Amino acid sequence: MIRQPEFVTPAVFAWAREALAKKKPGLPVGKVRFEAFAEGLCVQIMHTGPYGDEPESMKKSDAFMEHEGLRSRIGDGGKHHEIYLSDPRRCRPEGLRTVLRHPVVKA
């Protein structure tokens, strides 16, 4: 998932996807989709480092949820998701930045 600026509308997205398909015909642009999430209350954490180290960041999120009296909504209609802020093709693994978001409810 990559967060889009406010000016990106479904029409702008469709235009960009079409332009990319013409420029790079081998890319599977049909798999890309434009979605809005309104998941409600979430716990989020900025993870810095390789994707394989994300479980350590999630342990911190779990401890925060427990301390704050929050319960995970994963498995109850909520979806964990990640927002990638770095391009792994242009950044060393230790410099990758990813927002980890976890939907919750008050326990």
N, C-alpha and C. Protein backbone atom coordinates (compact mmCIF):
# COMPACT_ATOMS: atom_id res chain seq x y z
N MET A 1 0.85 -1.16 0.00
CA MET A 1 0.00 0.00 0.00
C MET A 1 0.90 1.23 0.00
N ILE A 2 0.53 2.19 -0.81
CA ILE A 2 1.25 3.45 -0.85
C ILE A 2 0.23 4.57 -0.71
N ARG A 3 0.39 5.39 0.33
CA ARG A 3 -0.55 6.48 0.56
C ARG A 3 -0.47 7.48 -0.58
N GLN A 4 -1.63 7.95 -1.01
CA GLN A 4 -1.70 8.91 -2.11
C GLN A 4 -2.07 10.29 -1.57
N PRO A 5 -1.53 11.33 -2.20
CA PRO A 5 -1.91 12.69 -1.79
C PRO A 5 -3.39 12.95 -2.09
N GLU A 6 -3.95 13.94 -1.43
CA GLU A 6 -5.38 14.23 -1.55
C GLU A 6 -5.82 14.52 -2.99
N PHE A 7 -4.95 15.09 -3.81
CA PHE A 7 -5.36 15.43 -5.18
C PHE A 7 -5.52 14.21 -6.08
N VAL A 8 -5.08 13.04 -5.63
CA VAL A 8 -5.24 11.84 -6.45
C VAL A 8 -6.66 11.31 -6.26
N THR A 9 -7.44 11.46 -7.31
CA THR A 9 -8.82 11.00 -7.33
C THR A 9 -8.88 9.71 -8.15
N PRO A 10 -10.02 9.02 -8.15
CA PRO A 10 -10.11 7.84 -9.01
C PRO A 10 -9.81 8.17 -10.49
N ALA A 11 -10.19 9.34 -10.94
CA ALA A 11 -9.92 9.73 -12.33
C ALA A 11 -8.42 9.92 -12.57
N VAL A 12 -7.73 10.56 -11.64
CA VAL A 12 -6.29 10.75 -11.76
C VAL A 12 -5.58 9.40 -11.73
N PHE A 13 -6.03 8.52 -10.85
CA PHE A 13 -5.45 7.19 -10.77
C PHE A 13 -5.63 6.43 -12.08
N ALA A 14 -6.83 6.47 -12.66
CA ALA A 14 -7.09 5.78 -13.92
C ALA A 14 -6.20 6.33 -15.03
N TRP A 15 -6.05 7.63 -15.08
CA TRP A 15 -5.17 8.25 -16.08
C TRP A 15 -3.72 7.77 -15.90
N ALA A 16 -3.23 7.77 -14.66
CA ALA A 16 -1.85 7.37 -14.39
C ALA A 16 -1.64 5.90 -14.73
N ARG A 17 -2.59 5.07 -14.38
CA ARG A 17 -2.47 3.63 -14.69
C ARG A 17 -2.44 3.40 -16.20
N GLU A 18 -3.28 4.12 -16.93
CA GLU A 18 -3.31 3.99 -18.39
C GLU A 18 -1.99 4.47 -19.01
N ALA A 19 -1.48 5.59 -18.51
CA ALA A 19 -0.22 6.13 -19.02
C ALA A 19 0.93 5.15 -18.75
N LEU A 20 0.94 4.56 -17.56
CA LEU A 20 1.98 3.60 -17.22
C LEU A 20 1.88 2.35 -18.09
N ALA A 21 0.68 1.89 -18.35
CA ALA A 21 0.49 0.70 -19.18
C ALA A 21 1.04 0.93 -20.59
N LYS A 22 0.90 2.15 -21.10
CA LYS A 22 1.43 2.48 -22.43
C LYS A 22 2.96 2.56 -22.39
N LYS A 23 3.48 3.15 -21.33
CA LYS A 23 4.92 3.35 -21.22
C LYS A 23 5.66 2.04 -20.91
N LYS A 24 5.06 1.20 -20.07
CA LYS A 24 5.68 -0.05 -19.63
C LYS A 24 4.69 -1.20 -19.87
N PRO A 25 4.51 -1.63 -21.11
CA PRO A 25 3.48 -2.63 -21.41
C PRO A 25 3.66 -3.98 -20.70
N GLY A 26 4.84 -4.27 -20.21
CA GLY A 26 5.06 -5.55 -19.53
C GLY A 26 4.63 -5.58 -18.08
N LEU A 27 4.34 -4.42 -17.50
CA LEU A 27 3.94 -4.38 -16.09
C LEU A 27 2.49 -4.80 -15.91
N PRO A 28 2.18 -5.54 -14.85
CA PRO A 28 0.80 -5.98 -14.61
C PRO A 28 -0.03 -4.87 -13.94
N VAL A 29 -0.24 -3.75 -14.64
CA VAL A 29 -0.93 -2.61 -14.02
C VAL A 29 -2.39 -2.91 -13.71
N GLY A 30 -2.94 -3.94 -14.32
CA GLY A 30 -4.33 -4.31 -14.02
C GLY A 30 -4.52 -4.79 -12.59
N LYS A 31 -3.43 -5.18 -11.93
CA LYS A 31 -3.52 -5.65 -10.54
C LYS A 31 -3.56 -4.50 -9.53
N VAL A 32 -3.18 -3.32 -9.99
CA VAL A 32 -3.12 -2.16 -9.08
C VAL A 32 -4.53 -1.63 -8.87
N ARG A 33 -4.84 -1.27 -7.64
CA ARG A 33 -6.17 -0.73 -7.36
C ARG A 33 -6.07 0.51 -6.48
N PHE A 34 -7.09 1.31 -6.54
CA PHE A 34 -7.18 2.55 -5.77
C PHE A 34 -8.27 2.35 -4.73
N GLU A 35 -7.92 2.43 -3.46
CA GLU A 35 -8.89 2.19 -2.39
C GLU A 35 -8.77 3.25 -1.31
N ALA A 36 -9.86 3.47 -0.64
CA ALA A 36 -9.86 4.33 0.54
C ALA A 36 -10.17 3.44 1.75
N PHE A 37 -9.44 3.64 2.82
CA PHE A 37 -9.68 2.88 4.05
C PHE A 37 -10.27 3.81 5.10
N ALA A 38 -11.27 3.31 5.79
CA ALA A 38 -11.83 4.01 6.94
C ALA A 38 -11.96 2.98 8.04
N GLU A 39 -10.81 2.54 8.55
CA GLU A 39 -10.83 1.42 9.49
C GLU A 39 -11.13 1.82 10.92
N GLY A 40 -11.24 3.10 11.19
CA GLY A 40 -11.53 3.53 12.55
C GLY A 40 -10.28 3.56 13.41
N LEU A 41 -10.46 3.31 14.70
CA LEU A 41 -9.37 3.38 15.66
C LEU A 41 -8.27 2.38 15.31
N CYS A 42 -7.04 2.87 15.25
CA CYS A 42 -5.89 2.02 14.92
C CYS A 42 -4.73 2.35 15.83
N VAL A 43 -3.87 1.37 15.99
CA VAL A 43 -2.56 1.58 16.58
C VAL A 43 -1.60 1.54 15.40
N GLN A 44 -0.72 2.51 15.33
CA GLN A 44 0.26 2.48 14.25
C GLN A 44 1.64 2.76 14.81
N ILE A 45 2.62 2.23 14.12
CA ILE A 45 4.01 2.42 14.53
C ILE A 45 4.85 2.58 13.27
N MET A 46 5.84 3.45 13.36
CA MET A 46 6.79 3.61 12.26
C MET A 46 7.88 2.58 12.43
N HIS A 47 7.97 1.66 11.49
CA HIS A 47 9.04 0.65 11.51
C HIS A 47 10.15 1.13 10.62
N THR A 48 11.36 1.16 11.13
CA THR A 48 12.54 1.50 10.34
C THR A 48 13.45 0.29 10.31
N GLY A 49 13.75 -0.17 9.11
CA GLY A 49 14.63 -1.32 8.95
C GLY A 49 14.05 -2.34 7.99
N PRO A 50 14.70 -3.49 7.88
CA PRO A 50 14.26 -4.53 6.95
C PRO A 50 12.86 -5.03 7.29
N TYR A 51 12.16 -5.47 6.26
CA TYR A 51 10.80 -5.99 6.46
C TYR A 51 10.82 -7.19 7.42
N GLY A 52 11.87 -7.97 7.38
CA GLY A 52 11.97 -9.14 8.26
C GLY A 52 12.04 -8.82 9.73
N ASP A 53 12.34 -7.56 10.07
CA ASP A 53 12.40 -7.14 11.47
C ASP A 53 11.07 -6.57 11.98
N GLU A 54 10.04 -6.55 11.14
CA GLU A 54 8.76 -5.99 11.55
C GLU A 54 8.15 -6.66 12.78
N PRO A 55 8.34 -7.97 13.00
CA PRO A 55 7.76 -8.58 14.20
C PRO A 55 8.19 -7.88 15.50
N GLU A 56 9.41 -7.36 15.54
CA GLU A 56 9.86 -6.64 16.74
C GLU A 56 9.03 -5.37 16.95
N SER A 57 8.73 -4.67 15.88
CA SER A 57 7.89 -3.47 15.99
C SER A 57 6.47 -3.85 16.40
N MET A 58 5.98 -4.97 15.87
CA MET A 58 4.62 -5.40 16.24
C MET A 58 4.55 -5.80 17.71
N LYS A 59 5.63 -6.34 18.28
CA LYS A 59 5.65 -6.64 19.72
C LYS A 59 5.47 -5.36 20.52
N LYS A 60 6.08 -4.27 20.07
CA LYS A 60 5.92 -2.98 20.75
C LYS A 60 4.47 -2.50 20.63
N SER A 61 3.87 -2.68 19.46
CA SER A 61 2.47 -2.31 19.28
C SER A 61 1.56 -3.13 20.18
N ASP A 62 1.83 -4.44 20.28
CA ASP A 62 1.03 -5.31 21.14
C ASP A 62 1.13 -4.88 22.60
N ALA A 63 2.33 -4.52 23.04
CA ALA A 63 2.51 -4.06 24.42
C ALA A 63 1.75 -2.76 24.64
N PHE A 64 1.78 -1.86 23.67
CA PHE A 64 1.05 -0.60 23.78
C PHE A 64 -0.46 -0.87 23.86
N MET A 65 -0.96 -1.77 23.01
CA MET A 65 -2.39 -2.10 23.04
C MET A 65 -2.80 -2.62 24.41
N GLU A 66 -2.00 -3.51 24.96
CA GLU A 66 -2.32 -4.08 26.27
C GLU A 66 -2.31 -2.99 27.34
N HIS A 67 -1.31 -2.14 27.32
CA HIS A 67 -1.19 -1.05 28.30
C HIS A 67 -2.37 -0.09 28.22
N GLU A 68 -2.85 0.16 27.01
CA GLU A 68 -3.93 1.13 26.80
C GLU A 68 -5.33 0.51 26.85
N GLY A 69 -5.41 -0.78 27.12
CA GLY A 69 -6.71 -1.44 27.19
C GLY A 69 -7.39 -1.57 25.83
N LEU A 70 -6.61 -1.87 24.81
CA LEU A 70 -7.15 -2.03 23.47
C LEU A 70 -7.09 -3.48 23.05
N ARG A 71 -8.02 -3.86 22.18
CA ARG A 71 -8.08 -5.23 21.68
C ARG A 71 -7.99 -5.20 20.15
N SER A 72 -7.24 -6.10 19.59
CA SER A 72 -7.08 -6.19 18.15
C SER A 72 -8.40 -6.53 17.46
N ARG A 73 -8.61 -5.95 16.30
CA ARG A 73 -9.77 -6.28 15.47
C ARG A 73 -9.39 -7.24 14.34
N ILE A 74 -8.13 -7.70 14.31
CA ILE A 74 -7.74 -8.67 13.30
C ILE A 74 -8.54 -9.95 13.54
N GLY A 75 -9.13 -10.48 12.50
CA GLY A 75 -9.98 -11.66 12.64
C GLY A 75 -11.41 -11.30 12.97
N ASP A 76 -11.67 -10.03 13.21
CA ASP A 76 -13.01 -9.54 13.54
C ASP A 76 -13.40 -8.46 12.52
N GLY A 77 -12.96 -8.65 11.28
CA GLY A 77 -13.27 -7.70 10.22
C GLY A 77 -12.20 -6.66 9.97
N GLY A 78 -11.25 -6.50 10.90
CA GLY A 78 -10.19 -5.53 10.72
C GLY A 78 -9.03 -6.14 9.95
N LYS A 79 -8.28 -5.28 9.28
CA LYS A 79 -7.15 -5.77 8.49
C LYS A 79 -5.88 -5.00 8.86
N HIS A 80 -4.84 -5.74 9.20
CA HIS A 80 -3.52 -5.13 9.39
C HIS A 80 -3.07 -4.66 8.02
N HIS A 81 -2.49 -3.47 7.97
CA HIS A 81 -1.92 -3.05 6.70
C HIS A 81 -0.67 -2.24 6.91
N GLU A 82 0.06 -2.10 5.84
CA GLU A 82 1.36 -1.44 5.87
C GLU A 82 1.41 -0.37 4.80
N ILE A 83 2.00 0.76 5.15
CA ILE A 83 2.17 1.85 4.20
C ILE A 83 3.67 2.01 3.99
N TYR A 84 4.11 1.76 2.78
CA TYR A 84 5.53 1.79 2.46
C TYR A 84 5.96 3.20 2.08
N LEU A 85 6.88 3.75 2.83
CA LEU A 85 7.36 5.10 2.61
C LEU A 85 8.68 5.13 1.86
N SER A 86 9.35 4.01 1.76
CA SER A 86 10.65 3.93 1.10
C SER A 86 10.56 2.98 -0.09
N ASP A 87 11.41 3.23 -1.06
CA ASP A 87 11.50 2.36 -2.23
C ASP A 87 12.66 1.38 -1.99
N PRO A 88 12.36 0.08 -1.83
CA PRO A 88 13.43 -0.88 -1.53
C PRO A 88 14.47 -0.99 -2.65
N ARG A 89 14.14 -0.50 -3.83
CA ARG A 89 15.13 -0.52 -4.93
C ARG A 89 16.13 0.61 -4.79
N ARG A 90 15.80 1.61 -3.97
CA ARG A 90 16.67 2.79 -3.86
C ARG A 90 17.16 3.04 -2.44
N CYS A 91 16.85 2.14 -1.55
CA CYS A 91 17.17 2.36 -0.14
C CYS A 91 17.79 1.08 0.43
N ARG A 92 18.77 1.24 1.29
CA ARG A 92 19.34 0.08 1.96
C ARG A 92 18.30 -0.49 2.94
N PRO A 93 18.31 -1.79 3.20
CA PRO A 93 17.31 -2.39 4.08
C PRO A 93 17.20 -1.70 5.44
N GLU A 94 18.33 -1.28 6.02
CA GLU A 94 18.26 -0.66 7.35
C GLU A 94 17.61 0.73 7.32
N GLY A 95 17.44 1.30 6.15
CA GLY A 95 16.82 2.62 6.03
C GLY A 95 15.37 2.59 5.59
N LEU A 96 14.82 1.41 5.33
CA LEU A 96 13.43 1.31 4.90
C LEU A 96 12.50 1.83 6.00
N ARG A 97 11.47 2.56 5.60
CA ARG A 97 10.48 3.07 6.56
C ARG A 97 9.10 2.58 6.14
N THR A 98 8.41 1.97 7.09
CA THR A 98 7.09 1.40 6.84
C THR A 98 6.17 1.73 8.02
N VAL A 99 5.00 2.27 7.73
CA VAL A 99 4.00 2.48 8.78
C VAL A 99 3.21 1.19 8.90
N LEU A 100 3.19 0.62 10.10
CA LEU A 100 2.42 -0.59 10.39
C LEU A 100 1.15 -0.18 11.10
N ARG A 101 -0.01 -0.52 10.57
CA ARG A 101 -1.28 -0.11 11.17
C ARG A 101 -2.09 -1.36 11.53
N HIS A 102 -2.69 -1.28 12.71
CA HIS A 102 -3.41 -2.42 13.27
C HIS A 102 -4.73 -1.90 13.84
N PRO A 103 -5.89 -2.29 13.29
CA PRO A 103 -7.17 -1.82 13.81
C PRO A 103 -7.47 -2.41 15.20
N VAL A 104 -8.03 -1.57 16.06
CA VAL A 104 -8.30 -1.96 17.45
C VAL A 104 -9.65 -1.42 17.91
N VAL A 105 -10.13 -1.94 19.03
CA VAL A 105 -11.28 -1.42 19.76
C VAL A 105 -10.89 -1.34 21.22
N LYS A 106 -11.60 -0.51 21.96
CA LYS A 106 -11.37 -0.46 23.40
C LYS A 106 -11.90 -1.75 24.01
N ALA A 107 -11.08 -2.35 24.86
CA ALA A 107 -11.43 -3.64 25.46
C ALA A 107 -12.52 -3.47 26.50
